[in-house]
């Protein structure tokens, strides 16, 4: 038996096994990095309590959508949804129940939304929807359906209502300006008795 050939074969097999093991370890490391990268992206773009987009990602996507709308001369609606008397809810039932209300509202806002619609938690009890390719009357109808769905749902035997302000990109496509208009409409809705939708 040629011992030299045996040694060459043995080391070839050994090297091959090591290469396979190294390849598997590299694949595992790559998968782990991709998973961690995805988790970092989610942390940077998603609200941890509700699973909706956060304020920063809302700004990014809304600006992109409005830039597209300017190029195509299409209509975009900005909606601000605010839970009525949310401080009283927290004070009366506790913050755990308040969190449950926020999560419930998030599910209602996401229901039946189109893939390209933007649904975000702006902060506290305030949520923002940005809907593209929609006319004013249809935007109002969507807002009223949301408001009614929320009003007609009991959470632990407690009724929740929301006020909604809506603006349309009639004269400009600047998100900050449109947000201020929707916020003014929301202020009017709250000043007019709450649990209603007002168009700017």
N, C-alpha and C. Protein backbone atom coordinates (compact mmCIF):
# COMPACT_ATOMS: atom_id res chain seq x y z
N UNK A 1 0.84 -1.19 0.00
CA UNK A 1 0.00 0.00 0.00
C UNK A 1 0.88 1.25 0.00
N UNK A 2 0.52 2.21 -0.83
CA UNK A 2 1.29 3.44 -0.93
C UNK A 2 0.82 4.41 0.17
N UNK A 3 1.66 4.53 1.24
CA UNK A 3 1.26 5.37 2.38
C UNK A 3 1.18 6.84 2.00
N UNK A 4 2.01 7.27 1.04
CA UNK A 4 1.98 8.67 0.60
C UNK A 4 0.64 9.02 -0.01
N UNK A 5 0.15 8.09 -0.86
CA UNK A 5 -1.15 8.35 -1.49
C UNK A 5 -2.26 8.38 -0.43
N UNK A 6 -2.17 7.50 0.57
CA UNK A 6 -3.16 7.46 1.65
C UNK A 6 -3.20 8.79 2.40
N UNK A 7 -1.98 9.33 2.68
CA UNK A 7 -1.92 10.60 3.40
C UNK A 7 -2.54 11.73 2.58
N UNK A 8 -2.26 11.73 1.27
CA UNK A 8 -2.83 12.77 0.39
C UNK A 8 -4.34 12.67 0.38
N UNK A 9 -4.86 11.44 0.26
CA UNK A 9 -6.31 11.23 0.24
C UNK A 9 -6.93 11.66 1.56
N UNK A 10 -6.28 11.27 2.68
CA UNK A 10 -6.78 11.61 4.01
C UNK A 10 -6.85 13.12 4.20
N UNK A 11 -5.78 13.80 3.83
CA UNK A 11 -5.77 15.25 4.01
C UNK A 11 -6.75 15.94 3.06
N UNK A 12 -6.95 15.36 1.89
CA UNK A 12 -7.94 15.92 0.95
C UNK A 12 -9.34 15.82 1.55
N UNK A 13 -9.64 14.63 2.13
CA UNK A 13 -10.93 14.45 2.78
C UNK A 13 -11.08 15.38 3.98
N UNK A 14 -9.97 15.50 4.74
CA UNK A 14 -9.98 16.37 5.92
C UNK A 14 -10.23 17.81 5.52
N UNK A 15 -9.51 18.26 4.47
CA UNK A 15 -9.70 19.63 3.98
C UNK A 15 -11.12 19.84 3.47
N UNK A 16 -11.65 18.83 2.78
CA UNK A 16 -13.01 18.92 2.23
C UNK A 16 -14.03 19.04 3.37
N UNK A 17 -13.86 18.23 4.42
CA UNK A 17 -14.77 18.28 5.56
C UNK A 17 -14.70 19.64 6.25
N UNK A 18 -13.47 20.16 6.37
CA UNK A 18 -13.30 21.49 7.00
C UNK A 18 -13.95 22.58 6.16
N UNK A 19 -13.80 22.44 4.82
CA UNK A 19 -14.41 23.44 3.94
C UNK A 19 -15.93 23.41 4.08
N UNK A 20 -16.49 22.20 4.14
CA UNK A 20 -17.95 22.07 4.30
C UNK A 20 -18.42 22.68 5.61
N UNK A 21 -17.65 22.41 6.68
CA UNK A 21 -17.99 22.94 7.99
C UNK A 21 -17.88 24.47 7.99
N UNK A 22 -16.82 24.98 7.37
CA UNK A 22 -16.61 26.42 7.29
C UNK A 22 -17.74 27.07 6.48
N UNK A 23 -18.14 26.41 5.39
CA UNK A 23 -19.21 26.92 4.54
C UNK A 23 -20.51 27.00 5.33
N UNK A 24 -20.81 25.93 6.12
CA UNK A 24 -22.02 25.92 6.94
C UNK A 24 -21.99 27.05 7.98
N UNK A 25 -20.82 27.25 8.58
CA UNK A 25 -20.69 28.31 9.58
C UNK A 25 -20.87 29.70 8.96
N UNK A 26 -20.34 29.86 7.74
CA UNK A 26 -20.50 31.13 7.04
C UNK A 26 -21.96 31.39 6.70
N UNK A 27 -22.66 30.35 6.27
CA UNK A 27 -24.09 30.48 5.95
C UNK A 27 -24.88 30.86 7.20
N UNK A 28 -24.56 30.20 8.33
CA UNK A 28 -25.24 30.52 9.59
C UNK A 28 -24.97 31.96 10.01
N UNK A 29 -23.71 32.39 9.87
CA UNK A 29 -23.34 33.76 10.23
C UNK A 29 -24.07 34.76 9.34
N UNK A 30 -24.16 34.44 8.04
CA UNK A 30 -24.86 35.32 7.09
C UNK A 30 -26.35 35.43 7.46
N UNK A 31 -26.98 34.28 7.76
CA UNK A 31 -28.40 34.28 8.15
C UNK A 31 -28.63 35.09 9.42
N UNK A 32 -27.71 34.94 10.38
CA UNK A 32 -27.83 35.69 11.64
C UNK A 32 -27.70 37.19 11.41
N UNK A 33 -26.75 37.58 10.55
CA UNK A 33 -26.57 39.00 10.24
C UNK A 33 -27.80 39.58 9.55
N UNK A 34 -28.39 38.79 8.64
CA UNK A 34 -29.59 39.25 7.94
C UNK A 34 -30.75 39.42 8.91
N UNK A 35 -30.88 38.47 9.85
CA UNK A 35 -31.93 38.55 10.86
C UNK A 35 -31.74 39.78 11.75
N UNK A 36 -30.50 40.00 12.19
CA UNK A 36 -30.22 41.16 13.04
C UNK A 36 -30.44 42.46 12.28
N UNK A 37 -30.08 42.46 11.01
CA UNK A 37 -30.28 43.65 10.17
C UNK A 37 -31.77 43.97 10.04
N UNK A 38 -32.58 42.91 9.83
CA UNK A 38 -34.03 43.09 9.71
C UNK A 38 -34.62 43.62 11.02
N UNK A 39 -34.12 43.10 12.14
CA UNK A 39 -34.60 43.55 13.44
C UNK A 39 -34.25 45.02 13.67
N UNK A 40 -33.06 45.44 13.23
CA UNK A 40 -32.65 46.84 13.37
C UNK A 40 -33.52 47.75 12.51
N UNK A 41 -33.84 47.28 11.30
CA UNK A 41 -34.72 48.05 10.40
C UNK A 41 -36.09 48.23 11.05
N UNK A 42 -36.62 47.14 11.62
CA UNK A 42 -37.93 47.21 12.26
C UNK A 42 -37.91 48.15 13.46
N UNK A 43 -36.84 48.08 14.24
CA UNK A 43 -36.72 48.97 15.41
C UNK A 43 -36.69 50.43 14.97
N UNK A 44 -36.10 50.69 13.81
CA UNK A 44 -35.96 52.07 13.33
C UNK A 44 -37.22 52.58 12.65
N UNK A 45 -38.11 51.68 12.20
CA UNK A 45 -39.26 52.11 11.40
C UNK A 45 -40.62 51.77 11.99
N UNK A 46 -40.66 50.87 12.98
CA UNK A 46 -41.94 50.38 13.49
C UNK A 46 -42.14 50.75 14.95
N UNK A 47 -43.37 51.14 15.28
CA UNK A 47 -43.73 51.42 16.66
C UNK A 47 -43.87 50.10 17.41
N UNK A 48 -43.14 49.95 18.50
CA UNK A 48 -43.06 48.65 19.18
C UNK A 48 -44.38 48.21 19.80
N UNK A 49 -45.21 49.14 20.25
CA UNK A 49 -46.47 48.77 20.90
C UNK A 49 -47.53 48.32 19.90
N UNK A 50 -47.66 49.06 18.81
CA UNK A 50 -48.78 48.82 17.88
C UNK A 50 -48.39 48.04 16.63
N UNK A 51 -47.11 48.03 16.30
CA UNK A 51 -46.69 47.37 15.07
C UNK A 51 -46.89 48.24 13.83
N UNK A 52 -47.40 49.45 14.03
CA UNK A 52 -47.57 50.38 12.90
C UNK A 52 -46.25 51.09 12.63
N UNK A 53 -46.19 51.80 11.50
CA UNK A 53 -45.02 52.61 11.21
C UNK A 53 -44.87 53.69 12.28
N UNK A 54 -43.62 54.07 12.57
CA UNK A 54 -43.41 55.13 13.54
C UNK A 54 -43.37 56.49 12.85
N UNK A 55 -43.18 57.53 13.62
CA UNK A 55 -43.25 58.90 13.10
C UNK A 55 -42.18 59.17 12.04
N UNK A 56 -40.97 58.69 12.27
CA UNK A 56 -39.89 58.94 11.31
C UNK A 56 -40.16 58.27 9.96
N UNK A 57 -40.64 57.02 10.02
CA UNK A 57 -40.92 56.32 8.76
C UNK A 57 -42.14 56.91 8.07
N UNK A 58 -43.10 57.40 8.86
CA UNK A 58 -44.25 58.11 8.28
C UNK A 58 -43.77 59.28 7.44
N UNK A 59 -42.86 60.09 8.00
CA UNK A 59 -42.34 61.25 7.28
C UNK A 59 -41.66 60.84 5.98
N UNK A 60 -40.84 59.80 6.04
CA UNK A 60 -40.13 59.33 4.85
C UNK A 60 -41.10 58.90 3.75
N UNK A 61 -42.04 58.05 4.13
CA UNK A 61 -42.95 57.48 3.12
C UNK A 61 -43.96 58.50 2.61
N UNK A 62 -44.42 59.38 3.50
CA UNK A 62 -45.39 60.39 3.07
C UNK A 62 -44.76 61.36 2.08
N UNK A 63 -43.53 61.78 2.35
CA UNK A 63 -42.84 62.67 1.41
C UNK A 63 -42.67 62.00 0.05
N UNK A 64 -42.32 60.72 0.04
CA UNK A 64 -42.17 59.98 -1.22
C UNK A 64 -43.50 59.88 -1.96
N UNK A 65 -44.57 59.57 -1.21
CA UNK A 65 -45.88 59.44 -1.84
C UNK A 65 -46.34 60.77 -2.44
N UNK A 66 -46.10 61.86 -1.73
CA UNK A 66 -46.54 63.17 -2.22
C UNK A 66 -45.68 63.64 -3.39
N UNK A 67 -44.42 63.26 -3.42
CA UNK A 67 -43.58 63.57 -4.58
C UNK A 67 -44.11 62.86 -5.82
N UNK A 68 -44.51 61.61 -5.63
CA UNK A 68 -45.10 60.83 -6.72
C UNK A 68 -46.41 61.46 -7.17
N UNK A 69 -47.22 61.90 -6.21
CA UNK A 69 -48.51 62.51 -6.52
C UNK A 69 -48.33 63.79 -7.32
N UNK A 70 -47.27 64.54 -7.00
CA UNK A 70 -47.01 65.78 -7.74
C UNK A 70 -46.68 65.47 -9.20
N UNK A 71 -45.92 64.39 -9.41
CA UNK A 71 -45.56 64.02 -10.79
C UNK A 71 -46.76 63.53 -11.60
N UNK A 72 -47.68 62.83 -10.91
CA UNK A 72 -48.82 62.23 -11.61
C UNK A 72 -50.11 63.03 -11.46
N UNK A 73 -50.05 64.14 -10.73
CA UNK A 73 -51.22 64.99 -10.48
C UNK A 73 -52.37 64.20 -9.87
N UNK A 74 -52.04 63.34 -8.90
CA UNK A 74 -53.06 62.51 -8.25
C UNK A 74 -53.38 63.04 -6.85
N UNK A 75 -54.53 62.63 -6.33
CA UNK A 75 -55.02 63.11 -5.04
C UNK A 75 -54.50 62.25 -3.89
N UNK A 76 -54.15 62.91 -2.81
CA UNK A 76 -53.69 62.23 -1.58
C UNK A 76 -54.44 62.83 -0.40
N UNK A 77 -54.88 61.95 0.51
CA UNK A 77 -55.56 62.40 1.74
C UNK A 77 -54.67 62.15 2.94
N UNK A 78 -54.62 63.14 3.83
CA UNK A 78 -53.92 63.00 5.11
C UNK A 78 -54.98 62.98 6.20
N UNK A 79 -54.99 61.94 7.04
CA UNK A 79 -55.95 61.84 8.13
C UNK A 79 -55.22 61.75 9.46
N UNK A 80 -55.64 62.55 10.41
CA UNK A 80 -55.14 62.43 11.78
C UNK A 80 -56.29 61.90 12.63
N UNK A 81 -56.04 60.78 13.29
CA UNK A 81 -57.05 60.13 14.12
C UNK A 81 -56.60 60.24 15.58
N UNK A 82 -57.43 60.82 16.42
CA UNK A 82 -57.06 61.05 17.82
C UNK A 82 -58.14 60.46 18.73
N UNK A 83 -57.71 59.66 19.71
CA UNK A 83 -58.65 59.04 20.63
C UNK A 83 -59.21 60.09 21.60
N UNK A 84 -60.52 60.15 21.69
CA UNK A 84 -61.16 61.13 22.57
C UNK A 84 -60.96 60.77 24.04
N UNK A 85 -60.61 61.77 24.83
CA UNK A 85 -60.47 61.64 26.28
C UNK A 85 -59.53 60.48 26.68
N UNK A 86 -58.43 60.34 25.96
CA UNK A 86 -57.54 59.21 26.24
C UNK A 86 -56.90 59.31 27.62
N UNK A 87 -56.62 60.53 28.07
CA UNK A 87 -56.04 60.70 29.41
C UNK A 87 -56.99 60.15 30.48
N UNK A 88 -58.28 60.40 30.29
CA UNK A 88 -59.29 59.88 31.24
C UNK A 88 -59.31 58.36 31.23
N UNK A 89 -59.11 57.78 30.05
CA UNK A 89 -59.08 56.31 29.94
C UNK A 89 -57.92 55.76 30.74
N UNK A 90 -56.75 56.36 30.56
CA UNK A 90 -55.57 55.92 31.31
C UNK A 90 -55.76 56.11 32.82
N UNK A 91 -56.30 57.26 33.19
CA UNK A 91 -56.48 57.56 34.62
C UNK A 91 -57.52 56.65 35.27
N UNK A 92 -58.56 56.31 34.51
CA UNK A 92 -59.66 55.50 35.07
C UNK A 92 -59.36 54.01 35.07
N UNK A 93 -58.71 53.53 34.01
CA UNK A 93 -58.56 52.08 33.85
C UNK A 93 -57.10 51.61 33.90
N UNK A 94 -56.17 52.51 33.90
CA UNK A 94 -54.76 52.14 33.97
C UNK A 94 -54.09 52.11 32.60
N UNK A 95 -52.77 52.18 32.60
CA UNK A 95 -52.01 52.27 31.36
C UNK A 95 -52.04 50.96 30.56
N UNK A 96 -52.19 49.83 31.25
CA UNK A 96 -52.27 48.54 30.54
C UNK A 96 -53.50 48.51 29.64
N UNK A 97 -54.62 49.02 30.17
CA UNK A 97 -55.84 49.10 29.35
C UNK A 97 -55.66 50.14 28.25
N UNK A 98 -54.98 51.24 28.56
CA UNK A 98 -54.69 52.25 27.54
C UNK A 98 -53.91 51.66 26.39
N UNK A 99 -52.93 50.81 26.70
CA UNK A 99 -52.14 50.14 25.65
C UNK A 99 -53.03 49.22 24.82
N UNK A 100 -53.96 48.55 25.50
CA UNK A 100 -54.89 47.65 24.79
C UNK A 100 -55.76 48.44 23.81
N UNK A 101 -56.18 49.62 24.23
CA UNK A 101 -56.98 50.48 23.35
C UNK A 101 -56.16 50.90 22.13
N UNK A 102 -54.91 51.28 22.35
CA UNK A 102 -54.05 51.69 21.24
C UNK A 102 -53.83 50.54 20.25
N UNK A 103 -53.65 49.34 20.76
CA UNK A 103 -53.45 48.17 19.90
C UNK A 103 -54.72 47.83 19.14
N UNK A 104 -55.87 47.95 19.82
CA UNK A 104 -57.15 47.69 19.15
C UNK A 104 -57.38 48.69 18.02
N UNK A 105 -57.14 49.95 18.31
CA UNK A 105 -57.33 50.99 17.29
C UNK A 105 -56.40 50.74 16.10
N UNK A 106 -55.19 50.31 16.36
CA UNK A 106 -54.23 50.02 15.29
C UNK A 106 -54.77 48.95 14.35
N UNK A 107 -55.38 47.92 14.92
CA UNK A 107 -55.94 46.84 14.10
C UNK A 107 -57.09 47.35 13.24
N UNK A 108 -57.93 48.21 13.82
CA UNK A 108 -59.06 48.78 13.07
C UNK A 108 -58.54 49.65 11.91
N UNK A 109 -57.52 50.45 12.17
CA UNK A 109 -56.97 51.33 11.14
C UNK A 109 -56.34 50.54 10.00
N UNK A 110 -55.74 49.41 10.32
CA UNK A 110 -55.09 48.58 9.30
C UNK A 110 -56.09 47.77 8.47
N UNK A 111 -57.26 47.50 9.05
CA UNK A 111 -58.24 46.64 8.39
C UNK A 111 -58.70 47.24 7.06
N UNK A 112 -58.62 46.45 6.03
CA UNK A 112 -59.06 46.82 4.67
C UNK A 112 -58.24 47.93 4.03
N UNK A 113 -57.08 48.24 4.58
CA UNK A 113 -56.23 49.23 3.94
C UNK A 113 -55.55 48.61 2.73
N UNK A 114 -55.28 49.45 1.74
CA UNK A 114 -54.56 48.99 0.54
C UNK A 114 -53.07 48.87 0.85
N UNK A 115 -52.38 48.09 0.04
CA UNK A 115 -50.98 47.81 0.31
C UNK A 115 -50.13 49.08 0.35
N UNK A 116 -50.45 50.06 -0.49
CA UNK A 116 -49.62 51.27 -0.55
C UNK A 116 -50.09 52.37 0.40
N UNK A 117 -51.18 52.14 1.14
CA UNK A 117 -51.62 53.13 2.14
C UNK A 117 -50.62 53.17 3.30
N UNK A 118 -50.48 54.32 3.89
CA UNK A 118 -49.57 54.49 5.03
C UNK A 118 -50.40 54.61 6.30
N UNK A 119 -50.10 53.78 7.28
CA UNK A 119 -50.77 53.82 8.58
C UNK A 119 -49.69 53.89 9.65
N UNK A 120 -49.71 54.94 10.46
CA UNK A 120 -48.62 55.15 11.41
C UNK A 120 -49.15 55.65 12.75
N UNK A 121 -48.39 55.37 13.79
CA UNK A 121 -48.65 55.98 15.09
C UNK A 121 -47.76 57.20 15.18
N UNK A 122 -48.39 58.36 15.28
CA UNK A 122 -47.63 59.61 15.30
C UNK A 122 -47.03 59.86 16.67
N UNK A 123 -47.74 59.43 17.68
CA UNK A 123 -47.27 59.61 19.05
C UNK A 123 -48.45 59.62 20.00
N UNK A 124 -48.27 59.10 21.22
CA UNK A 124 -49.36 59.08 22.19
C UNK A 124 -50.58 58.38 21.63
N UNK A 125 -51.72 59.09 21.64
CA UNK A 125 -52.98 58.51 21.15
C UNK A 125 -53.33 59.02 19.76
N UNK A 126 -52.34 59.51 19.04
CA UNK A 126 -52.56 60.11 17.72
C UNK A 126 -51.99 59.23 16.61
N UNK A 127 -52.82 59.00 15.60
CA UNK A 127 -52.45 58.16 14.47
C UNK A 127 -52.63 58.93 13.17
N UNK A 128 -51.87 58.55 12.16
CA UNK A 128 -51.94 59.23 10.86
C UNK A 128 -52.09 58.21 9.74
N UNK A 129 -53.00 58.50 8.84
CA UNK A 129 -53.15 57.71 7.62
C UNK A 129 -52.86 58.61 6.43
N UNK A 130 -52.14 58.09 5.45
CA UNK A 130 -51.90 58.80 4.20
C UNK A 130 -52.39 57.88 3.08
N UNK A 131 -53.43 58.32 2.39
CA UNK A 131 -54.07 57.49 1.37
C UNK A 131 -53.90 58.15 0.00
N UNK A 132 -53.33 57.41 -0.93
CA UNK A 132 -53.10 57.95 -2.28
C UNK A 132 -54.24 57.58 -3.22
N UNK A 133 -54.30 58.30 -4.34
CA UNK A 133 -55.30 58.04 -5.39
C UNK A 133 -56.72 57.96 -4.82
N UNK A 134 -57.10 58.99 -4.09
CA UNK A 134 -58.43 58.99 -3.47
C UNK A 134 -59.01 60.41 -3.53
N UNK A 135 -60.26 60.51 -3.90
CA UNK A 135 -60.92 61.81 -3.98
C UNK A 135 -61.44 62.21 -2.61
N UNK A 136 -61.75 63.49 -2.46
CA UNK A 136 -62.14 64.04 -1.16
C UNK A 136 -63.36 63.33 -0.57
N UNK A 137 -64.39 63.11 -1.39
CA UNK A 137 -65.61 62.49 -0.86
C UNK A 137 -65.35 61.06 -0.40
N UNK A 138 -64.45 60.36 -1.12
CA UNK A 138 -64.12 59.00 -0.72
C UNK A 138 -63.25 58.98 0.54
N UNK A 139 -62.37 59.97 0.66
CA UNK A 139 -61.53 60.07 1.86
C UNK A 139 -62.41 60.32 3.08
N UNK A 140 -63.40 61.20 2.92
CA UNK A 140 -64.33 61.47 4.03
C UNK A 140 -65.10 60.21 4.39
N UNK A 141 -65.51 59.46 3.38
CA UNK A 141 -66.26 58.22 3.62
C UNK A 141 -65.41 57.20 4.37
N UNK A 142 -64.14 57.06 3.98
CA UNK A 142 -63.23 56.14 4.67
C UNK A 142 -63.08 56.55 6.14
N UNK A 143 -62.89 57.86 6.36
CA UNK A 143 -62.72 58.36 7.73
C UNK A 143 -63.97 58.09 8.58
N UNK A 144 -65.13 58.30 7.99
CA UNK A 144 -66.38 58.09 8.73
C UNK A 144 -66.61 56.61 9.03
N UNK A 145 -66.24 55.74 8.12
CA UNK A 145 -66.36 54.30 8.37
C UNK A 145 -65.45 53.90 9.53
N UNK A 146 -64.22 54.43 9.53
CA UNK A 146 -63.29 54.16 10.63
C UNK A 146 -63.87 54.65 11.96
N UNK A 147 -64.35 55.88 11.95
CA UNK A 147 -64.90 56.48 13.17
C UNK A 147 -66.07 55.65 13.70
N UNK A 148 -66.95 55.25 12.80
CA UNK A 148 -68.12 54.47 13.18
C UNK A 148 -67.73 53.08 13.69
N UNK A 149 -66.79 52.43 13.01
CA UNK A 149 -66.33 51.10 13.44
C UNK A 149 -65.75 51.14 14.85
N UNK A 150 -64.99 52.20 15.13
CA UNK A 150 -64.38 52.34 16.45
C UNK A 150 -65.46 52.61 17.50
N UNK A 151 -66.41 53.49 17.18
CA UNK A 151 -67.47 53.84 18.13
C UNK A 151 -68.34 52.63 18.47
N UNK A 152 -68.55 51.74 17.50
CA UNK A 152 -69.44 50.60 17.69
C UNK A 152 -68.76 49.35 18.23
N UNK A 153 -67.49 49.50 18.63
CA UNK A 153 -66.77 48.37 19.21
C UNK A 153 -66.51 48.64 20.69
N UNK A 154 -66.85 47.67 21.51
CA UNK A 154 -66.59 47.79 22.94
C UNK A 154 -65.28 47.08 23.27
N UNK A 155 -64.46 47.73 24.09
CA UNK A 155 -63.22 47.12 24.57
C UNK A 155 -63.37 46.94 26.08
N UNK A 156 -63.51 45.67 26.50
CA UNK A 156 -63.76 45.39 27.93
C UNK A 156 -64.93 46.23 28.46
N UNK A 157 -66.03 46.21 27.69
CA UNK A 157 -67.26 46.92 28.06
C UNK A 157 -67.09 48.44 28.12
N UNK A 158 -66.07 48.94 27.45
CA UNK A 158 -65.83 50.39 27.42
C UNK A 158 -65.90 50.88 25.98
N UNK A 159 -66.70 51.93 25.77
CA UNK A 159 -66.82 52.50 24.42
C UNK A 159 -65.70 53.50 24.19
N UNK A 160 -65.09 53.41 23.02
CA UNK A 160 -64.02 54.33 22.63
C UNK A 160 -64.49 55.12 21.40
N UNK A 161 -64.21 56.41 21.38
CA UNK A 161 -64.51 57.20 20.19
C UNK A 161 -63.26 57.96 19.75
N UNK A 162 -63.27 58.38 18.50
CA UNK A 162 -62.15 59.15 17.96
C UNK A 162 -62.65 60.38 17.22
N UNK A 163 -61.79 61.37 17.14
CA UNK A 163 -62.02 62.54 16.29
C UNK A 163 -61.02 62.47 15.14
N UNK A 164 -61.45 62.89 13.94
CA UNK A 164 -60.60 62.75 12.76
C UNK A 164 -60.56 64.06 11.98
N UNK A 165 -59.36 64.50 11.64
CA UNK A 165 -59.17 65.66 10.77
C UNK A 165 -58.58 65.19 9.45
N UNK A 166 -59.11 65.72 8.34
CA UNK A 166 -58.69 65.28 7.01
C UNK A 166 -58.29 66.48 6.15
N UNK A 167 -57.17 66.35 5.45
CA UNK A 167 -56.77 67.37 4.47
C UNK A 167 -56.45 66.67 3.15
N UNK A 168 -56.55 67.44 2.07
CA UNK A 168 -56.27 66.93 0.72
C UNK A 168 -55.18 67.79 0.07
N UNK A 169 -54.41 67.18 -0.81
CA UNK A 169 -53.32 67.91 -1.48
C UNK A 169 -53.84 68.71 -2.68
N UNK A 170 -54.79 69.57 -2.42
CA UNK A 170 -55.37 70.36 -3.51
C UNK A 170 -54.39 71.42 -4.03
N UNK A 171 -53.75 72.13 -3.11
CA UNK A 171 -52.91 73.27 -3.49
C UNK A 171 -51.42 73.02 -3.35
N UNK A 172 -51.04 72.00 -2.62
CA UNK A 172 -49.61 71.72 -2.47
C UNK A 172 -49.39 70.25 -2.13
N UNK A 173 -48.14 69.83 -2.21
CA UNK A 173 -47.77 68.45 -1.90
C UNK A 173 -46.71 68.39 -0.81
N UNK A 174 -46.77 69.39 0.08
CA UNK A 174 -45.83 69.42 1.19
C UNK A 174 -46.47 68.74 2.39
N UNK A 175 -45.86 67.68 2.87
CA UNK A 175 -46.46 66.89 3.95
C UNK A 175 -46.67 67.71 5.21
N UNK A 176 -45.68 68.51 5.59
CA UNK A 176 -45.79 69.29 6.82
C UNK A 176 -46.97 70.26 6.76
N UNK A 177 -47.16 70.89 5.60
CA UNK A 177 -48.28 71.82 5.44
C UNK A 177 -49.61 71.09 5.48
N UNK A 178 -49.67 69.94 4.82
CA UNK A 178 -50.91 69.15 4.81
C UNK A 178 -51.22 68.59 6.19
N UNK A 179 -50.18 68.23 6.92
CA UNK A 179 -50.38 67.73 8.28
C UNK A 179 -50.97 68.84 9.16
N UNK A 180 -50.46 70.06 9.01
CA UNK A 180 -50.99 71.18 9.80
C UNK A 180 -52.46 71.43 9.48
N UNK A 181 -52.82 71.30 8.20
CA UNK A 181 -54.23 71.48 7.80
C UNK A 181 -55.11 70.40 8.43
N UNK A 182 -54.64 69.15 8.38
CA UNK A 182 -55.41 68.05 8.99
C UNK A 182 -55.51 68.24 10.50
N UNK A 183 -54.44 68.78 11.09
CA UNK A 183 -54.43 69.02 12.54
C UNK A 183 -55.43 70.11 12.92
N UNK A 184 -55.54 71.14 12.07
CA UNK A 184 -56.54 72.19 12.31
C UNK A 184 -57.96 71.63 12.21
N UNK A 185 -58.17 70.74 11.22
CA UNK A 185 -59.48 70.09 11.08
C UNK A 185 -59.78 69.22 12.30
N UNK A 186 -58.76 68.54 12.80
CA UNK A 186 -58.92 67.72 14.01
C UNK A 186 -59.30 68.60 15.20
N UNK A 187 -58.64 69.73 15.32
CA UNK A 187 -58.92 70.68 16.41
C UNK A 187 -60.38 71.12 16.37
N UNK A 188 -60.89 71.35 15.15
CA UNK A 188 -62.29 71.74 15.00
C UNK A 188 -63.22 70.60 15.39
N UNK A 189 -62.82 69.38 15.02
CA UNK A 189 -63.64 68.21 15.37
C UNK A 189 -63.74 68.05 16.89
N UNK A 190 -62.62 68.27 17.57
CA UNK A 190 -62.62 68.16 19.03
C UNK A 190 -63.40 69.32 19.66
N UNK A 191 -63.21 70.52 19.10
CA UNK A 191 -63.92 71.68 19.61
C UNK A 191 -65.42 71.61 19.36
N UNK A 192 -65.81 70.86 18.34
CA UNK A 192 -67.24 70.75 17.99
C UNK A 192 -67.94 69.61 18.69
N UNK A 193 -67.30 68.99 19.66
CA UNK A 193 -67.97 67.95 20.42
C UNK A 193 -67.33 66.57 20.33
N UNK A 194 -66.27 66.43 19.53
CA UNK A 194 -65.55 65.15 19.38
C UNK A 194 -66.42 64.10 18.65
N UNK A 195 -65.81 62.92 18.45
CA UNK A 195 -66.47 61.79 17.77
C UNK A 195 -67.07 62.23 16.43
N UNK A 196 -66.26 62.92 15.64
CA UNK A 196 -66.70 63.34 14.31
C UNK A 196 -65.50 63.54 13.39
N UNK A 197 -65.81 63.59 12.09
CA UNK A 197 -64.79 63.82 11.06
C UNK A 197 -64.97 65.21 10.47
N UNK A 198 -63.89 65.96 10.39
CA UNK A 198 -63.95 67.30 9.77
C UNK A 198 -62.92 67.35 8.64
N UNK A 199 -63.37 67.84 7.49
CA UNK A 199 -62.49 68.11 6.35
C UNK A 199 -61.97 69.51 6.44
N UNK A 200 -60.67 69.68 6.14
CA UNK A 200 -60.09 71.03 6.16
C UNK A 200 -60.63 71.83 4.98
